[in-house]
Full PDB file with SEQRES, HELIX, SHEET, SSBOND, CRYST1, ORIGX, SCALE, CONECT and MASTER records, all heavy atoms in Angstrom:
SEQRES   1 A   33  PHE SER HIS TYR LEU PRO TRP ALA MET GLN CYS GLY SER          
SEQRES   2 A   33  GLN ALA LYS PRO ILE ILE SER VAL TYR TRP GLU GLU MET          
SEQRES   3 A   33  LEU GLU ARG SER VAL ASP GLU                                  
HELIX    1 AA1 TYR A    4  GLN A   14  1                                  11    
HELIX    2 AA2 ILE A   18  SER A   20  5                                   3    
HELIX    3 AA3 TRP A   23  GLU A   25  5                                   3    
CRYST1    1.000    1.000    1.000  90.00  90.00  90.00 P 1           1          
ORIGX1      1.000000  0.000000  0.000000        0.00000                         
ORIGX2      0.000000  1.000000  0.000000        0.00000                         
ORIGX3      0.000000  0.000000  1.000000        0.00000                         
SCALE1      1.000000  0.000000  0.000000        0.00000                         
SCALE2      0.000000  1.000000  0.000000        0.00000                         
SCALE3      0.000000  0.000000  1.000000        0.00000                         
ATOM      1  N   PHE A   1     -21.008  -3.566 -32.383  1.00  0.00           N  
ATOM      2  CA  PHE A   1     -21.781  -2.325 -32.420  1.00  0.00           C  
ATOM      3  C   PHE A   1     -22.876  -2.273 -31.354  1.00  0.00           C  
ATOM      4  O   PHE A   1     -23.220  -1.188 -30.877  1.00  0.00           O  
ATOM      5  CB  PHE A   1     -22.379  -2.124 -33.810  1.00  0.00           C  
ATOM      6  CG  PHE A   1     -21.385  -1.654 -34.829  1.00  0.00           C  
ATOM      7  CD1 PHE A   1     -20.959  -2.491 -35.847  1.00  0.00           C  
ATOM      8  CD2 PHE A   1     -20.847  -0.371 -34.762  1.00  0.00           C  
ATOM      9  CE1 PHE A   1     -20.024  -2.059 -36.778  1.00  0.00           C  
ATOM     10  CE2 PHE A   1     -19.914   0.066 -35.686  1.00  0.00           C  
ATOM     11  CZ  PHE A   1     -19.499  -0.776 -36.704  1.00  0.00           C  
ATOM     12  N   SER A   2     -23.402  -3.420 -30.959  1.00  0.00           N  
ATOM     13  CA  SER A   2     -24.492  -3.404 -29.982  1.00  0.00           C  
ATOM     14  C   SER A   2     -24.004  -3.419 -28.545  1.00  0.00           C  
ATOM     15  O   SER A   2     -24.689  -2.891 -27.653  1.00  0.00           O  
ATOM     16  CB  SER A   2     -25.423  -4.605 -30.207  1.00  0.00           C  
ATOM     17  OG  SER A   2     -24.726  -5.837 -30.033  1.00  0.00           O  
ATOM     18  N   HIS A   3     -22.822  -3.982 -28.270  1.00  0.00           N  
ATOM     19  CA  HIS A   3     -22.347  -4.115 -26.893  1.00  0.00           C  
ATOM     20  C   HIS A   3     -21.006  -3.420 -26.653  1.00  0.00           C  
ATOM     21  O   HIS A   3     -20.895  -2.553 -25.780  1.00  0.00           O  
ATOM     22  CB  HIS A   3     -22.225  -5.593 -26.520  1.00  0.00           C  
ATOM     23  CG  HIS A   3     -23.521  -6.331 -26.560  1.00  0.00           C  
ATOM     24  ND1 HIS A   3     -24.585  -6.027 -25.732  1.00  0.00           N  
ATOM     25  CD2 HIS A   3     -23.941  -7.358 -27.349  1.00  0.00           C  
ATOM     26  CE1 HIS A   3     -25.599  -6.840 -25.989  1.00  0.00           C  
ATOM     27  NE2 HIS A   3     -25.227  -7.646 -26.968  1.00  0.00           N  
ATOM     28  N   TYR A   4     -19.995  -3.809 -27.404  1.00  0.00           N  
ATOM     29  CA  TYR A   4     -18.645  -3.313 -27.122  1.00  0.00           C  
ATOM     30  C   TYR A   4     -18.502  -1.810 -27.363  1.00  0.00           C  
ATOM     31  O   TYR A   4     -17.906  -1.101 -26.542  1.00  0.00           O  
ATOM     32  CB  TYR A   4     -17.619  -4.068 -27.973  1.00  0.00           C  
ATOM     33  CG  TYR A   4     -17.362  -5.478 -27.517  1.00  0.00           C  
ATOM     34  CD1 TYR A   4     -18.188  -6.527 -27.905  1.00  0.00           C  
ATOM     35  CD2 TYR A   4     -16.281  -5.779 -26.694  1.00  0.00           C  
ATOM     36  CE1 TYR A   4     -17.945  -7.828 -27.479  1.00  0.00           C  
ATOM     37  CE2 TYR A   4     -16.032  -7.075 -26.271  1.00  0.00           C  
ATOM     38  CZ  TYR A   4     -16.879  -8.095 -26.667  1.00  0.00           C  
ATOM     39  OH  TYR A   4     -16.643  -9.374 -26.247  1.00  0.00           O  
ATOM     40  N   LEU A   5     -18.999  -1.332 -28.517  1.00  0.00           N  
ATOM     41  CA  LEU A   5     -18.814   0.075 -28.863  1.00  0.00           C  
ATOM     42  C   LEU A   5     -19.482   1.026 -27.868  1.00  0.00           C  
ATOM     43  O   LEU A   5     -18.818   1.951 -27.369  1.00  0.00           O  
ATOM     44  CB  LEU A   5     -19.305   0.330 -30.283  1.00  0.00           C  
ATOM     45  CG  LEU A   5     -19.172   1.777 -30.785  1.00  0.00           C  
ATOM     46  CD1 LEU A   5     -17.718   2.222 -30.779  1.00  0.00           C  
ATOM     47  CD2 LEU A   5     -19.778   1.916 -32.192  1.00  0.00           C  
ATOM     48  N   PRO A   6     -20.765   0.854 -27.530  1.00  0.00           N  
ATOM     49  CA  PRO A   6     -21.380   1.787 -26.570  1.00  0.00           C  
ATOM     50  C   PRO A   6     -20.685   1.765 -25.211  1.00  0.00           C  
ATOM     51  O   PRO A   6     -20.499   2.815 -24.587  1.00  0.00           O  
ATOM     52  CB  PRO A   6     -22.824   1.289 -26.467  1.00  0.00           C  
ATOM     53  CG  PRO A   6     -23.055   0.493 -27.707  1.00  0.00           C  
ATOM     54  CD  PRO A   6     -21.741  -0.119 -28.057  1.00  0.00           C  
ATOM     55  N   TRP A   7     -20.301   0.566 -24.756  1.00  0.00           N  
ATOM     56  CA  TRP A   7     -19.601   0.472 -23.472  1.00  0.00           C  
ATOM     57  C   TRP A   7     -18.261   1.180 -23.519  1.00  0.00           C  
ATOM     58  O   TRP A   7     -17.906   1.944 -22.608  1.00  0.00           O  
ATOM     59  CB  TRP A   7     -19.397  -0.995 -23.094  1.00  0.00           C  
ATOM     60  CG  TRP A   7     -18.381  -1.184 -22.013  1.00  0.00           C  
ATOM     61  CD1 TRP A   7     -18.561  -1.015 -20.674  1.00  0.00           C  
ATOM     62  CD2 TRP A   7     -17.004  -1.547 -22.195  1.00  0.00           C  
ATOM     63  NE1 TRP A   7     -17.386  -1.250 -19.999  1.00  0.00           N  
ATOM     64  CE2 TRP A   7     -16.423  -1.579 -20.908  1.00  0.00           C  
ATOM     65  CE3 TRP A   7     -16.230  -1.853 -23.305  1.00  0.00           C  
ATOM     66  CZ2 TRP A   7     -15.070  -1.906 -20.720  1.00  0.00           C  
ATOM     67  CZ3 TRP A   7     -14.896  -2.170 -23.128  1.00  0.00           C  
ATOM     68  CH2 TRP A   7     -14.331  -2.194 -21.839  1.00  0.00           C  
ATOM     69  N   ALA A   8     -17.477   0.946 -24.574  1.00  0.00           N  
ATOM     70  CA  ALA A   8     -16.144   1.549 -24.670  1.00  0.00           C  
ATOM     71  C   ALA A   8     -16.228   3.067 -24.752  1.00  0.00           C  
ATOM     72  O   ALA A   8     -15.404   3.776 -24.159  1.00  0.00           O  
ATOM     73  CB  ALA A   8     -15.402   0.992 -25.885  1.00  0.00           C  
ATOM     74  N   MET A   9     -17.211   3.588 -25.465  1.00  0.00           N  
ATOM     75  CA  MET A   9     -17.385   5.038 -25.564  1.00  0.00           C  
ATOM     76  C   MET A   9     -17.693   5.633 -24.195  1.00  0.00           C  
ATOM     77  O   MET A   9     -17.085   6.634 -23.785  1.00  0.00           O  
ATOM     78  CB  MET A   9     -18.518   5.348 -26.546  1.00  0.00           C  
ATOM     79  CG  MET A   9     -18.215   5.013 -27.988  1.00  0.00           C  
ATOM     80  SD  MET A   9     -17.122   6.209 -28.790  1.00  0.00           S  
ATOM     81  CE  MET A   9     -18.246   7.589 -28.968  1.00  0.00           C  
ATOM     82  N   GLN A  10     -18.630   5.029 -23.473  1.00  0.00           N  
ATOM     83  CA  GLN A  10     -19.034   5.581 -22.180  1.00  0.00           C  
ATOM     84  C   GLN A  10     -17.957   5.394 -21.122  1.00  0.00           C  
ATOM     85  O   GLN A  10     -17.618   6.322 -20.383  1.00  0.00           O  
ATOM     86  CB  GLN A  10     -20.343   4.940 -21.713  1.00  0.00           C  
ATOM     87  CG  GLN A  10     -20.902   5.558 -20.442  1.00  0.00           C  
ATOM     88  CD  GLN A  10     -22.228   4.948 -20.018  1.00  0.00           C  
ATOM     89  OE1 GLN A  10     -22.691   3.978 -20.614  1.00  0.00           O  
ATOM     90  NE2 GLN A  10     -22.849   5.505 -18.998  1.00  0.00           N  
ATOM     91  N   CYS A  11     -17.394   4.187 -21.054  1.00  0.00           N  
ATOM     92  CA  CYS A  11     -16.371   3.899 -20.052  1.00  0.00           C  
ATOM     93  C   CYS A  11     -15.125   4.745 -20.301  1.00  0.00           C  
ATOM     94  O   CYS A  11     -14.531   5.297 -19.361  1.00  0.00           O  
ATOM     95  CB  CYS A  11     -16.028   2.417 -20.069  1.00  0.00           C  
ATOM     96  SG  CYS A  11     -14.991   1.872 -18.702  1.00  0.00           S  
ATOM     97  N   GLY A  12     -14.720   4.872 -21.551  1.00  0.00           N  
ATOM     98  CA  GLY A  12     -13.549   5.672 -21.874  1.00  0.00           C  
ATOM     99  C   GLY A  12     -13.739   7.138 -21.542  1.00  0.00           C  
ATOM    100  O   GLY A  12     -12.787   7.825 -21.160  1.00  0.00           O  
ATOM    101  N   SER A  13     -14.963   7.620 -21.664  1.00  0.00           N  
ATOM    102  CA  SER A  13     -15.243   9.025 -21.371  1.00  0.00           C  
ATOM    103  C   SER A  13     -15.267   9.317 -19.876  1.00  0.00           C  
ATOM    104  O   SER A  13     -14.912  10.422 -19.443  1.00  0.00           O  
ATOM    105  CB  SER A  13     -16.586   9.433 -21.988  1.00  0.00           C  
ATOM    106  OG  SER A  13     -16.563   9.307 -23.394  1.00  0.00           O  
ATOM    107  N   GLN A  14     -15.690   8.349 -19.073  1.00  0.00           N  
ATOM    108  CA  GLN A  14     -15.894   8.585 -17.643  1.00  0.00           C  
ATOM    109  C   GLN A  14     -14.742   8.117 -16.775  1.00  0.00           C  
ATOM    110  O   GLN A  14     -14.634   8.513 -15.611  1.00  0.00           O  
ATOM    111  CB  GLN A  14     -17.189   7.903 -17.193  1.00  0.00           C  
ATOM    112  CG  GLN A  14     -18.432   8.467 -17.878  1.00  0.00           C  
ATOM    113  CD  GLN A  14     -19.719   7.831 -17.387  1.00  0.00           C  
ATOM    114  OE1 GLN A  14     -19.738   7.094 -16.398  1.00  0.00           O  
ATOM    115  NE2 GLN A  14     -20.808   8.106 -18.072  1.00  0.00           N  
ATOM    116  N   ALA A  15     -13.857   7.291 -17.310  1.00  0.00           N  
ATOM    117  CA  ALA A  15     -12.750   6.758 -16.504  1.00  0.00           C  
ATOM    118  C   ALA A  15     -11.704   7.828 -16.224  1.00  0.00           C  
ATOM    119  O   ALA A  15     -11.574   8.824 -16.946  1.00  0.00           O  
ATOM    120  CB  ALA A  15     -12.099   5.576 -17.223  1.00  0.00           C  
ATOM    121  N   LYS A  16     -10.953   7.621 -15.152  1.00  0.00           N  
ATOM    122  CA  LYS A  16      -9.802   8.469 -14.848  1.00  0.00           C  
ATOM    123  C   LYS A  16      -8.792   8.370 -15.986  1.00  0.00           C  
ATOM    124  O   LYS A  16      -8.627   7.293 -16.575  1.00  0.00           O  
ATOM    125  CB  LYS A  16      -9.169   7.994 -13.541  1.00  0.00           C  
ATOM    126  CG  LYS A  16      -7.934   8.758 -13.114  1.00  0.00           C  
ATOM    127  CD  LYS A  16      -7.364   8.196 -11.811  1.00  0.00           C  
ATOM    128  CE  LYS A  16      -6.084   8.925 -11.413  1.00  0.00           C  
ATOM    129  NZ  LYS A  16      -5.534   8.406 -10.134  1.00  0.00           N  
ATOM    130  N   PRO A  17      -8.086   9.450 -16.333  1.00  0.00           N  
ATOM    131  CA  PRO A  17      -7.106   9.386 -17.427  1.00  0.00           C  
ATOM    132  C   PRO A  17      -6.056   8.301 -17.213  1.00  0.00           C  
ATOM    133  O   PRO A  17      -5.310   8.317 -16.243  1.00  0.00           O  
ATOM    134  CB  PRO A  17      -6.473  10.783 -17.412  1.00  0.00           C  
ATOM    135  CG  PRO A  17      -7.544  11.666 -16.865  1.00  0.00           C  
ATOM    136  CD  PRO A  17      -8.252  10.832 -15.834  1.00  0.00           C  
ATOM    137  N   ILE A  18      -5.998   7.370 -18.140  1.00  0.00           N  
ATOM    138  CA  ILE A  18      -5.093   6.231 -18.010  1.00  0.00           C  
ATOM    139  C   ILE A  18      -3.636   6.638 -18.141  1.00  0.00           C  
ATOM    140  O   ILE A  18      -2.754   5.965 -17.613  1.00  0.00           O  
ATOM    141  CB  ILE A  18      -5.429   5.139 -19.050  1.00  0.00           C  
ATOM    142  CG1 ILE A  18      -5.455   5.741 -20.464  1.00  0.00           C  
ATOM    143  CG2 ILE A  18      -6.726   4.437 -18.717  1.00  0.00           C  
ATOM    144  CD1 ILE A  18      -5.713   4.736 -21.569  1.00  0.00           C  
ATOM    145  N   ILE A  19      -3.368   7.739 -18.837  1.00  0.00           N  
ATOM    146  CA  ILE A  19      -1.983   8.145 -19.058  1.00  0.00           C  
ATOM    147  C   ILE A  19      -1.345   8.666 -17.776  1.00  0.00           C  
ATOM    148  O   ILE A  19      -0.121   8.723 -17.667  1.00  0.00           O  
ATOM    149  CB  ILE A  19      -1.914   9.213 -20.180  1.00  0.00           C  
ATOM    150  CG1 ILE A  19      -0.475   9.386 -20.680  1.00  0.00           C  
ATOM    151  CG2 ILE A  19      -2.504  10.533 -19.708  1.00  0.00           C  
ATOM    152  CD1 ILE A  19       0.105   8.164 -21.331  1.00  0.00           C  
ATOM    153  N   SER A  20      -2.160   9.035 -16.787  1.00  0.00           N  
ATOM    154  CA  SER A  20      -1.637   9.586 -15.534  1.00  0.00           C  
ATOM    155  C   SER A  20      -1.604   8.559 -14.405  1.00  0.00           C  
ATOM    156  O   SER A  20      -1.536   8.933 -13.228  1.00  0.00           O  
ATOM    157  CB  SER A  20      -2.474  10.803 -15.109  1.00  0.00           C  
ATOM    158  OG  SER A  20      -2.349  11.855 -16.039  1.00  0.00           O  
ATOM    159  N   VAL A  21      -1.657   7.293 -14.756  1.00  0.00           N  
ATOM    160  CA  VAL A  21      -1.615   6.221 -13.759  1.00  0.00           C  
ATOM    161  C   VAL A  21      -0.215   5.609 -13.736  1.00  0.00           C  
ATOM    162  O   VAL A  21       0.323   5.235 -14.786  1.00  0.00           O  
ATOM    163  CB  VAL A  21      -2.663   5.123 -14.056  1.00  0.00           C  
ATOM    164  CG1 VAL A  21      -2.554   3.988 -13.038  1.00  0.00           C  
ATOM    165  CG2 VAL A  21      -4.065   5.716 -14.050  1.00  0.00           C  
ATOM    166  N   TYR A  22       0.364   5.508 -12.560  1.00  0.00           N  
ATOM    167  CA  TYR A  22       1.667   4.854 -12.388  1.00  0.00           C  
ATOM    168  C   TYR A  22       1.392   3.363 -12.183  1.00  0.00           C  
ATOM    169  O   TYR A  22       1.374   2.849 -11.073  1.00  0.00           O  
ATOM    170  CB  TYR A  22       2.397   5.441 -11.178  1.00  0.00           C  
ATOM    171  CG  TYR A  22       3.875   5.688 -11.390  1.00  0.00           C  
ATOM    172  CD1 TYR A  22       4.437   6.935 -11.134  1.00  0.00           C  
ATOM    173  CD2 TYR A  22       4.716   4.677 -11.855  1.00  0.00           C  
ATOM    174  CE1 TYR A  22       5.795   7.171 -11.328  1.00  0.00           C  
ATOM    175  CE2 TYR A  22       6.071   4.902 -12.046  1.00  0.00           C  
ATOM    176  CZ  TYR A  22       6.597   6.157 -11.783  1.00  0.00           C  
ATOM    177  OH  TYR A  22       7.945   6.386 -11.985  1.00  0.00           O  
ATOM    178  N   TRP A  23       1.197   2.658 -13.290  1.00  0.00           N  
ATOM    179  CA  TRP A  23       0.738   1.273 -13.237  1.00  0.00           C  
ATOM    180  C   TRP A  23       1.702   0.372 -12.468  1.00  0.00           C  
ATOM    181  O   TRP A  23       1.278  -0.593 -11.823  1.00  0.00           O  
ATOM    182  CB  TRP A  23       0.546   0.736 -14.656  1.00  0.00           C  
ATOM    183  CG  TRP A  23      -0.528   1.450 -15.407  1.00  0.00           C  
ATOM    184  CD1 TRP A  23      -0.376   2.422 -16.348  1.00  0.00           C  
ATOM    185  CD2 TRP A  23      -1.942   1.267 -15.262  1.00  0.00           C  
ATOM    186  NE1 TRP A  23      -1.600   2.856 -16.812  1.00  0.00           N  
ATOM    187  CE2 TRP A  23      -2.571   2.159 -16.158  1.00  0.00           C  
ATOM    188  CE3 TRP A  23      -2.728   0.437 -14.470  1.00  0.00           C  
ATOM    189  CZ2 TRP A  23      -3.960   2.248 -16.286  1.00  0.00           C  
ATOM    190  CZ3 TRP A  23      -4.112   0.514 -14.585  1.00  0.00           C  
ATOM    191  CH2 TRP A  23      -4.714   1.408 -15.480  1.00  0.00           C  
ATOM    192  N   GLU A  24       2.989   0.681 -12.529  1.00  0.00           N  
ATOM    193  CA  GLU A  24       3.982  -0.132 -11.827  1.00  0.00           C  
ATOM    194  C   GLU A  24       3.757  -0.141 -10.320  1.00  0.00           C  
ATOM    195  O   GLU A  24       4.173  -1.072  -9.632  1.00  0.00           O  
ATOM    196  CB  GLU A  24       5.390   0.392 -12.121  1.00  0.00           C  
ATOM    197  CG  GLU A  24       5.778   0.381 -13.590  1.00  0.00           C  
ATOM    198  CD  GLU A  24       5.468   1.692 -14.295  1.00  0.00           C  
ATOM    199  OE1 GLU A  24       4.393   2.270 -14.016  1.00  0.00           O  
ATOM    200  OE2 GLU A  24       6.291   2.139 -15.119  1.00  0.00           O  
ATOM    201  N   GLU A  25       3.096   0.895  -9.802  1.00  0.00           N  
ATOM    202  CA  GLU A  25       2.840   0.984  -8.372  1.00  0.00           C  
ATOM    203  C   GLU A  25       1.497   0.373  -7.980  1.00  0.00           C  
ATOM    204  O   GLU A  25       1.117   0.397  -6.810  1.00  0.00           O  
ATOM    205  CB  GLU A  25       2.897   2.457  -7.938  1.00  0.00           C  
ATOM    206  CG  GLU A  25       4.268   3.091  -8.173  1.00  0.00           C  
ATOM    207  CD  GLU A  25       4.310   4.564  -7.812  1.00  0.00           C  
ATOM    208  OE1 GLU A  25       3.230   5.133  -7.512  1.00  0.00           O  
ATOM    209  OE2 GLU A  25       5.413   5.151  -7.817  1.00  0.00           O  
ATOM    210  N   MET A  26       0.785  -0.174  -8.956  1.00  0.00           N  
ATOM    211  CA  MET A  26      -0.534  -0.764  -8.714  1.00  0.00           C  
ATOM    212  C   MET A  26      -0.481  -2.280  -8.589  1.00  0.00           C  
ATOM    213  O   MET A  26      -1.483  -2.916  -8.252  1.00  0.00           O  
ATOM    214  CB  MET A  26      -1.490  -0.405  -9.861  1.00  0.00           C  
ATOM    215  CG  MET A  26      -1.732   1.070 -10.050  1.00  0.00           C  
ATOM    216  SD  MET A  26      -2.768   1.725  -8.721  1.00  0.00           S  
ATOM    217  CE  MET A  26      -2.984   3.415  -9.268  1.00  0.00           C  
ATOM    218  N   LEU A  27       0.672  -2.893  -8.859  1.00  0.00           N  
ATOM    219  CA  LEU A  27       0.736  -4.336  -9.045  1.00  0.00           C  
ATOM    220  C   LEU A  27       0.305  -5.134  -7.822  1.00  0.00           C  
ATOM    221  O   LEU A  27      -0.289  -6.217  -7.954  1.00  0.00           O  
ATOM    222  CB  LEU A  27       2.151  -4.739  -9.469  1.00  0.00           C  
ATOM    223  CG  LEU A  27       2.605  -4.175 -10.820  1.00  0.00           C  
ATOM    224  CD1 LEU A  27       4.073  -4.483 -11.062  1.00  0.00           C  
ATOM    225  CD2 LEU A  27       1.746  -4.726 -11.947  1.00  0.00           C  
ATOM    226  N   GLU A  28       0.578  -4.643  -6.635  1.00  0.00           N  
ATOM    227  CA  GLU A  28       0.248  -5.393  -5.423  1.00  0.00           C  
ATOM    228  C   GLU A  28      -1.137  -5.054  -4.876  1.00  0.00           C  
ATOM    229  O   GLU A  28      -1.588  -5.675  -3.915  1.00  0.00           O  
ATOM    230  CB  GLU A  28       1.305  -5.134  -4.349  1.00  0.00           C  
ATOM    231  CG  GLU A  28       2.687  -5.638  -4.736  1.00  0.00           C  
ATOM    232  CD  GLU A  28       3.706  -5.485  -3.619  1.00  0.00           C  
ATOM    233  OE1 GLU A  28       3.308  -5.081  -2.499  1.00  0.00           O  
ATOM    234  OE2 GLU A  28       4.897  -5.769  -3.854  1.00  0.00           O  
ATOM    235  N   ARG A  29      -1.808  -4.126  -5.497  1.00  0.00           N  
ATOM    236  CA  ARG A  29      -3.127  -3.727  -5.023  1.00  0.00           C  
ATOM    237  C   ARG A  29      -4.216  -4.637  -5.586  1.00  0.00           C  
ATOM    238  O   ARG A  29      -4.031  -5.319  -6.598  1.00  0.00           O  
ATOM    239  CB  ARG A  29      -3.412  -2.278  -5.401  1.00  0.00           C  
ATOM    240  CG  ARG A  29      -2.506  -1.268  -4.716  1.00  0.00           C  
ATOM    241  CD  ARG A  29      -2.900   0.145  -5.071  1.00  0.00           C  
ATOM    242  NE  ARG A  29      -4.313   0.398  -4.794  1.00  0.00           N  
ATOM    243  CZ  ARG A  29      -4.947   1.509  -5.137  1.00  0.00           C  
ATOM    244  NH1 ARG A  29      -4.288   2.471  -5.780  1.00  0.00           N  
ATOM    245  NH2 ARG A  29      -6.233   1.665  -4.850  1.00  0.00           N  
ATOM    246  N   SER A  30      -5.370  -4.642  -4.960  1.00  0.00           N  
ATOM    247  CA  SER A  30      -6.512  -5.407  -5.450  1.00  0.00           C  
ATOM    248  C   SER A  30      -6.945  -4.857  -6.805  1.00  0.00           C  
ATOM    249  O   SER A  30      -7.113  -3.640  -6.971  1.00  0.00           O  
ATOM    250  CB  SER A  30      -7.670  -5.314  -4.459  1.00  0.00           C  
ATOM    251  OG  SER A  30      -8.897  -5.683  -5.075  1.00  0.00           O  
ATOM    252  N   VAL A  31      -7.154  -5.748  -7.765  1.00  0.00           N  
ATOM    253  CA  VAL A  31      -7.574  -5.295  -9.090  1.00  0.00           C  
ATOM    254  C   VAL A  31      -8.944  -4.634  -9.013  1.00  0.00           C  
ATOM    255  O   VAL A  31      -9.224  -3.668  -9.744  1.00  0.00           O  
ATOM    256  CB  VAL A  31      -7.564  -6.473 -10.090  1.00  0.00           C  
ATOM    257  CG1 VAL A  31      -8.598  -7.536  -9.731  1.00  0.00           C  
ATOM    258  CG2 VAL A  31      -7.774  -5.961 -11.514  1.00  0.00           C  
ATOM    259  N   ASP A  32      -9.813  -5.093  -8.130  1.00  0.00           N  
ATOM    260  CA  ASP A  32     -11.128  -4.463  -7.996  1.00  0.00           C  
ATOM    261  C   ASP A  32     -11.006  -3.056  -7.423  1.00  0.00           C  
ATOM    262  O   ASP A  32     -11.743  -2.146  -7.831  1.00  0.00           O  
ATOM    263  CB  ASP A  32     -12.035  -5.318  -7.105  1.00  0.00           C  
ATOM    264  CG  ASP A  32     -12.444  -6.621  -7.767  1.00  0.00           C  
ATOM    265  OD1 ASP A  32     -12.519  -6.646  -9.014  1.00  0.00           O  
ATOM    266  OD2 ASP A  32     -12.685  -7.608  -7.051  1.00  0.00           O  
ATOM    267  N   GLU A  33     -10.076  -2.863  -6.484  1.00  0.00           N  
ATOM    268  CA  GLU A  33      -9.855  -1.523  -5.939  1.00  0.00           C  
ATOM    269  C   GLU A  33      -9.318  -0.583  -7.004  1.00  0.00           C  
ATOM    270  O   GLU A  33      -9.706   0.591  -7.064  1.00  0.00           O  
ATOM    271  CB  GLU A  33      -8.883  -1.591  -4.764  1.00  0.00           C  
ATOM    272  CG  GLU A  33      -9.449  -2.215  -3.498  1.00  0.00           C  
ATOM    273  CD  GLU A  33      -8.433  -2.217  -2.367  1.00  0.00           C  
ATOM    274  OE1 GLU A  33      -7.292  -1.718  -2.579  1.00  0.00           O  
ATOM    275  OE2 GLU A  33      -8.759  -2.712  -1.276  1.00  0.00           O  
TER     276      GLU A  33                                                      
MASTER        0    0    0    3    0    0    0    6  275    1    0    3          
END                                                                             
């Protein structure tokens, strides 16, 4: 409740929609990128 929940709420709200990512095409890219 003090760390994980607030982060997940904010990060989930601001991140690009995960359902529209072609993850199979990301495998060779830098994870940080």
